Amino acid sequence: MQKQVVELAGEPVGIAIRDGESLRFLAVKFHAMGVDGQVFPSMAAIKNAISQLGALHRRSAA
């Protein structure tokens, strides 16, 4: 099983595991749980989804 650590702003937030031609994201930090288990085409797509999720949480907290 091939896996990669997913970091956002220097902080590990989960791992990406190869799932056929895609990557499945497994979260290890609470703020990334909204995309836990989802399949993405690339690491960039995973990081983008986590960033969008974080922005959504920041807006709703304001």
C-alpha atoms as a PDB file:
ATOM      1  CA  MET A   1       0.000   0.000   0.000  1.00  0.00           C
ATOM      2  CA  GLN A   2       1.470   3.313  -1.088  1.00  0.00           C
ATOM      3  CA  LYS A   3       0.680   6.260   1.196  1.00  0.00           C
ATOM      4  CA  GLN A   4       1.737   9.884   1.487  1.00  0.00           C
ATOM      5  CA  VAL A   5       1.452  12.304   4.372  1.00  0.00           C
ATOM      6  CA  VAL A   6      -0.788  15.267   3.547  1.00  0.00           C
ATOM      7  CA  GLU A   7       0.433  18.524   5.087  1.00  0.00           C
ATOM      8  CA  LEU A   8      -1.288  21.868   5.035  1.00  0.00           C
ATOM      9  CA  ALA A   9       0.668  24.932   6.200  1.00  0.00           C
ATOM     10  CA  GLY A  10       3.372  22.585   7.513  1.00  0.00           C
ATOM     11  CA  GLU A  11       0.934  20.601   9.675  1.00  0.00           C
ATOM     12  CA  PRO A  12       0.148  16.924   8.956  1.00  0.00           C
ATOM     13  CA  VAL A  13      -3.628  16.639   8.498  1.00  0.00           C
ATOM     14  CA  GLY A  14      -3.942  13.117   7.107  1.00  0.00           C
ATOM     15  CA  ILE A  15      -2.655  10.571   4.639  1.00  0.00           C
ATOM     16  CA  ALA A  16      -3.407   9.864   1.002  1.00  0.00           C
ATOM     17  CA  ILE A  17      -3.598   6.236  -0.081  1.00  0.00           C
ATOM     18  CA  ARG A  18      -3.500   5.187  -3.723  1.00  0.00           C
ATOM     19  CA  ASP A  19      -6.944   3.921  -4.805  1.00  0.00           C
ATOM     20  CA  GLY A  20      -6.622   2.828  -8.422  1.00  0.00           C
ATOM     21  CA  GLU A  21      -5.799   5.958 -10.403  1.00  0.00           C
ATOM     22  CA  SER A  22      -6.982   8.219  -7.558  1.00  0.00           C
ATOM     23  CA  LEU A  23      -6.053   9.028  -3.958  1.00  0.00           C
ATOM     24  CA  ARG A  24      -8.249   8.331  -0.936  1.00  0.00           C
ATOM     25  CA  PHE A  25      -7.809  10.815   1.918  1.00  0.00           C
ATOM     26  CA  LEU A  26      -7.804   9.662   5.556  1.00  0.00           C
ATOM     27  CA  ALA A  27      -7.922  12.521   8.056  1.00  0.00           C
ATOM     28  CA  VAL A  28      -5.986  12.595  11.323  1.00  0.00           C
ATOM     29  CA  LYS A  29      -6.923  16.155  12.355  1.00  0.00           C
ATOM     30  CA  PHE A  30     -10.424  17.259  13.335  1.00  0.00           C
ATOM     31  CA  HIS A  31     -10.565  20.209  10.929  1.00  0.00           C
ATOM     32  CA  ALA A  32      -9.957  17.842   7.981  1.00  0.00           C
ATOM     33  CA  MET A  33     -12.654  15.293   8.920  1.00  0.00           C
ATOM     34  CA  GLY A  34     -15.115  16.849   6.475  1.00  0.00           C
ATOM     35  CA  VAL A  35     -13.246  15.233   3.579  1.00  0.00           C
ATOM     36  CA  ASP A  36     -12.227  12.013   5.353  1.00  0.00           C
ATOM     37  CA  GLY A  37     -12.635   8.962   3.129  1.00  0.00           C
ATOM     38  CA  GLN A  38     -13.221  10.936  -0.063  1.00  0.00           C
ATOM     39  CA  VAL A  39     -11.418  10.097  -3.302  1.00  0.00           C
ATOM     40  CA  PHE A  40      -9.475  12.771  -5.210  1.00  0.00           C
ATOM     41  CA  PRO A  41      -7.563  12.863  -8.501  1.00  0.00           C
ATOM     42  CA  SER A  42      -4.425  14.466  -7.012  1.00  0.00           C
ATOM     43  CA  MET A  43      -2.686  15.754  -3.887  1.00  0.00           C
ATOM     44  CA  ALA A  44      -3.441  19.286  -5.041  1.00  0.00           C
ATOM     45  CA  ALA A  45      -7.162  18.460  -5.107  1.00  0.00           C
ATOM     46  CA  ILE A  46      -6.964  17.054  -1.558  1.00  0.00           C
ATOM     47  CA  LYS A  47      -5.211  20.163  -0.252  1.00  0.00           C
ATOM     48  CA  ASN A  48      -7.683  22.417  -2.057  1.00  0.00           C
ATOM     49  CA  ALA A  49     -10.664  20.597  -0.520  1.00  0.00           C
ATOM     50  CA  ILE A  50      -9.186  20.878   2.987  1.00  0.00           C
ATOM     51  CA  SER A  51      -8.424  24.571   2.455  1.00  0.00           C
ATOM     52  CA  GLN A  52     -11.990  25.234   1.266  1.00  0.00           C
ATOM     53  CA  LEU A  53     -13.349  23.342   4.261  1.00  0.00           C
ATOM     54  CA  GLY A  54     -11.205  25.465   6.595  1.00  0.00           C
ATOM     55  CA  ALA A  55     -12.383  28.678   4.926  1.00  0.00           C
ATOM     56  CA  LEU A  56     -16.002  27.558   5.338  1.00  0.00           C
ATOM     57  CA  HIS A  57     -15.462  26.919   9.054  1.00  0.00           C
ATOM     58  CA  ARG A  58     -13.771  30.309   9.528  1.00  0.00           C
ATOM     59  CA  ARG A  59     -16.667  32.122   7.794  1.00  0.00           C
ATOM     60  CA  SER A  60     -19.310  30.330   9.864  1.00  0.00           C
ATOM     61  CA  ALA A  61     -17.438  31.150  13.096  1.00  0.00           C
ATOM     62  CA  ALA A  62     -17.369  34.874  12.275  1.00  0.00           C
END
